[in-house]
Amino acid sequence: MRFRSQLPMQAFRGFCMGAADVVPGVSGGTVALVFGIYATLVAQIRQGARALGQLVRGRPGGFVEELREVEWRFLLPLLLGIGVALLSLASVISHFL
């Protein structure tokens, strides 16, 4: 059950990335680099872009194949954390600016 134990940490990393994105001049990508997940994140984004490319070219079978190659266990908790941070901190940071 190693995967389940990593979910909260991955969501926390995403939250930190989202929190950084809310602050002007700070990049979530920099936070990903600090956490050591930048290369994996870029690889997963690239894989998703390949899938979309297949869909745009009218190859739904290729789209599904490429989509299966995405490491969803890595990406979904990260995206969840980013989303929670953006939704919860965007209004807070506007009061400080």
C-alpha atoms as a PDB file:
ATOM      1  CA  MET A   1       0.000   0.000   0.000  1.00  0.00           C
ATOM      2  CA  ARG A   2       2.904   2.323  -0.674  1.00  0.00           C
ATOM      3  CA  PHE A   3       0.772   4.253  -3.164  1.00  0.00           C
ATOM      4  CA  ARG A   4      -1.864   5.241  -0.621  1.00  0.00           C
ATOM      5  CA  SER A   5       0.738   6.525   1.792  1.00  0.00           C
ATOM      6  CA  GLN A   6       2.097   8.834  -0.928  1.00  0.00           C
ATOM      7  CA  LEU A   7      -1.262  10.399  -1.823  1.00  0.00           C
ATOM      8  CA  PRO A   8      -1.312  13.000   0.972  1.00  0.00           C
ATOM      9  CA  MET A   9       2.294  14.007   0.301  1.00  0.00           C
ATOM     10  CA  GLN A  10       1.667  14.356  -3.416  1.00  0.00           C
ATOM     11  CA  ALA A  11      -1.457  16.431  -2.742  1.00  0.00           C
ATOM     12  CA  PHE A  12       0.607  18.585  -0.349  1.00  0.00           C
ATOM     13  CA  ARG A  13       3.211  19.132  -3.072  1.00  0.00           C
ATOM     14  CA  GLY A  14       0.407  20.182  -5.397  1.00  0.00           C
ATOM     15  CA  PHE A  15      -0.991  22.522  -2.772  1.00  0.00           C
ATOM     16  CA  CYS A  16       2.421  24.159  -2.418  1.00  0.00           C
ATOM     17  CA  MET A  17       2.670  24.517  -6.188  1.00  0.00           C
ATOM     18  CA  GLY A  18      -0.800  26.073  -6.346  1.00  0.00           C
ATOM     19  CA  ALA A  19      -0.008  28.403  -3.458  1.00  0.00           C
ATOM     20  CA  ALA A  20       3.097  29.558  -5.299  1.00  0.00           C
ATOM     21  CA  ASP A  21       1.061  30.140  -8.454  1.00  0.00           C
ATOM     22  CA  VAL A  22      -1.265  32.470  -6.551  1.00  0.00           C
ATOM     23  CA  VAL A  23       1.618  34.736  -5.519  1.00  0.00           C
ATOM     24  CA  PRO A  24       2.610  37.110  -8.328  1.00  0.00           C
ATOM     25  CA  GLY A  25       6.114  36.475  -9.583  1.00  0.00           C
ATOM     26  CA  VAL A  26       6.387  33.003  -8.062  1.00  0.00           C
ATOM     27  CA  SER A  27       6.120  29.852 -10.149  1.00  0.00           C
ATOM     28  CA  GLY A  28       4.631  26.516  -9.214  1.00  0.00           C
ATOM     29  CA  GLY A  29       7.238  25.025 -11.518  1.00  0.00           C
ATOM     30  CA  THR A  30       9.961  26.324  -9.223  1.00  0.00           C
ATOM     31  CA  VAL A  31       8.283  24.580  -6.309  1.00  0.00           C
ATOM     32  CA  ALA A  32       8.110  21.376  -8.368  1.00  0.00           C
ATOM     33  CA  LEU A  33      11.834  21.720  -9.036  1.00  0.00           C
ATOM     34  CA  VAL A  34      12.558  22.149  -5.323  1.00  0.00           C
ATOM     35  CA  PHE A  35      10.451  19.077  -4.494  1.00  0.00           C
ATOM     36  CA  GLY A  36      12.301  17.062  -7.133  1.00  0.00           C
ATOM     37  CA  ILE A  37       9.222  16.283  -9.226  1.00  0.00           C
ATOM     38  CA  TYR A  38       9.755  18.740 -12.074  1.00  0.00           C
ATOM     39  CA  ALA A  39      11.121  16.227 -14.609  1.00  0.00           C
ATOM     40  CA  THR A  40       8.313  13.758 -13.929  1.00  0.00           C
ATOM     41  CA  LEU A  41       5.733  16.531 -14.145  1.00  0.00           C
ATOM     42  CA  VAL A  42       7.062  17.719 -17.498  1.00  0.00           C
ATOM     43  CA  ALA A  43       7.098  14.124 -18.779  1.00  0.00           C
ATOM     44  CA  GLN A  44       3.461  13.649 -17.763  1.00  0.00           C
ATOM     45  CA  ILE A  45       2.421  16.925 -19.371  1.00  0.00           C
ATOM     46  CA  ARG A  46       4.238  15.847 -22.531  1.00  0.00           C
ATOM     47  CA  GLN A  47       2.406  12.510 -22.467  1.00  0.00           C
ATOM     48  CA  GLY A  48      -0.925  14.305 -22.120  1.00  0.00           C
ATOM     49  CA  ALA A  49      -0.008  16.559 -25.046  1.00  0.00           C
ATOM     50  CA  ARG A  50       0.765  13.485 -27.140  1.00  0.00           C
ATOM     51  CA  ALA A  51      -2.662  12.118 -26.301  1.00  0.00           C
ATOM     52  CA  LEU A  52      -4.335  15.373 -27.311  1.00  0.00           C
ATOM     53  CA  GLY A  53      -2.306  15.376 -30.514  1.00  0.00           C
ATOM     54  CA  GLN A  54      -3.730  11.975 -31.382  1.00  0.00           C
ATOM     55  CA  LEU A  55      -7.238  13.256 -30.742  1.00  0.00           C
ATOM     56  CA  VAL A  56      -6.703  16.344 -32.904  1.00  0.00           C
ATOM     57  CA  ARG A  57      -5.440  14.135 -35.716  1.00  0.00           C
ATOM     58  CA  GLY A  58      -8.672  12.159 -35.537  1.00  0.00           C
ATOM     59  CA  ARG A  59      -7.142   9.034 -34.008  1.00  0.00           C
ATOM     60  CA  PRO A  60      -9.303   8.184 -30.998  1.00  0.00           C
ATOM     61  CA  GLY A  61      -7.577   4.823 -30.579  1.00  0.00           C
ATOM     62  CA  GLY A  62      -4.197   6.531 -30.387  1.00  0.00           C
ATOM     63  CA  PHE A  63      -5.652   9.040 -27.940  1.00  0.00           C
ATOM     64  CA  VAL A  64      -6.736   6.268 -25.582  1.00  0.00           C
ATOM     65  CA  GLU A  65      -3.391   4.472 -25.912  1.00  0.00           C
ATOM     66  CA  GLU A  66      -1.408   7.609 -25.133  1.00  0.00           C
ATOM     67  CA  LEU A  67      -3.736   8.501 -22.265  1.00  0.00           C
ATOM     68  CA  ARG A  68      -3.103   5.101 -20.681  1.00  0.00           C
ATOM     69  CA  GLU A  69       0.596   5.964 -20.527  1.00  0.00           C
ATOM     70  CA  VAL A  70      -0.034   8.939 -18.224  1.00  0.00           C
ATOM     71  CA  GLU A  71       0.971   8.232 -14.610  1.00  0.00           C
ATOM     72  CA  TRP A  72      -2.377   9.203 -13.105  1.00  0.00           C
ATOM     73  CA  ARG A  73      -1.294   8.136  -9.618  1.00  0.00           C
ATOM     74  CA  PHE A  74       1.333  10.852  -9.809  1.00  0.00           C
ATOM     75  CA  LEU A  75      -0.710  13.478 -11.615  1.00  0.00           C
ATOM     76  CA  LEU A  76      -4.204  13.401 -10.065  1.00  0.00           C
ATOM     77  CA  PRO A  77      -3.244  14.084  -6.425  1.00  0.00           C
ATOM     78  CA  LEU A  78      -0.914  16.813  -7.644  1.00  0.00           C
ATOM     79  CA  LEU A  79      -3.684  18.449  -9.690  1.00  0.00           C
ATOM     80  CA  LEU A  80      -6.098  18.101  -6.774  1.00  0.00           C
ATOM     81  CA  GLY A  81      -3.669  19.918  -4.472  1.00  0.00           C
ATOM     82  CA  ILE A  82      -3.081  22.654  -7.045  1.00  0.00           C
ATOM     83  CA  GLY A  83      -6.824  23.121  -7.502  1.00  0.00           C
ATOM     84  CA  VAL A  84      -7.521  23.291  -3.772  1.00  0.00           C
ATOM     85  CA  ALA A  85      -4.764  25.869  -3.296  1.00  0.00           C
ATOM     86  CA  LEU A  86      -5.935  28.024  -6.182  1.00  0.00           C
ATOM     87  CA  LEU A  87      -9.546  27.971  -5.036  1.00  0.00           C
ATOM     88  CA  SER A  88      -8.811  28.532  -1.367  1.00  0.00           C
ATOM     89  CA  LEU A  89      -5.948  31.022  -1.559  1.00  0.00           C
ATOM     90  CA  ALA A  90      -6.848  33.221  -4.527  1.00  0.00           C
ATOM     91  CA  SER A  91      -9.296  35.320  -2.523  1.00  0.00           C
ATOM     92  CA  VAL A  92      -6.951  35.471   0.474  1.00  0.00           C
ATOM     93  CA  ILE A  93      -3.966  36.753  -1.491  1.00  0.00           C
ATOM     94  CA  SER A  94      -6.043  39.473  -3.163  1.00  0.00           C
ATOM     95  CA  HIS A  95      -6.524  41.121   0.250  1.00  0.00           C
ATOM     96  CA  PHE A  96      -2.752  41.455   0.646  1.00  0.00           C
ATOM     97  CA  LEU A  97      -2.103  42.954  -2.774  1.00  0.00           C
END
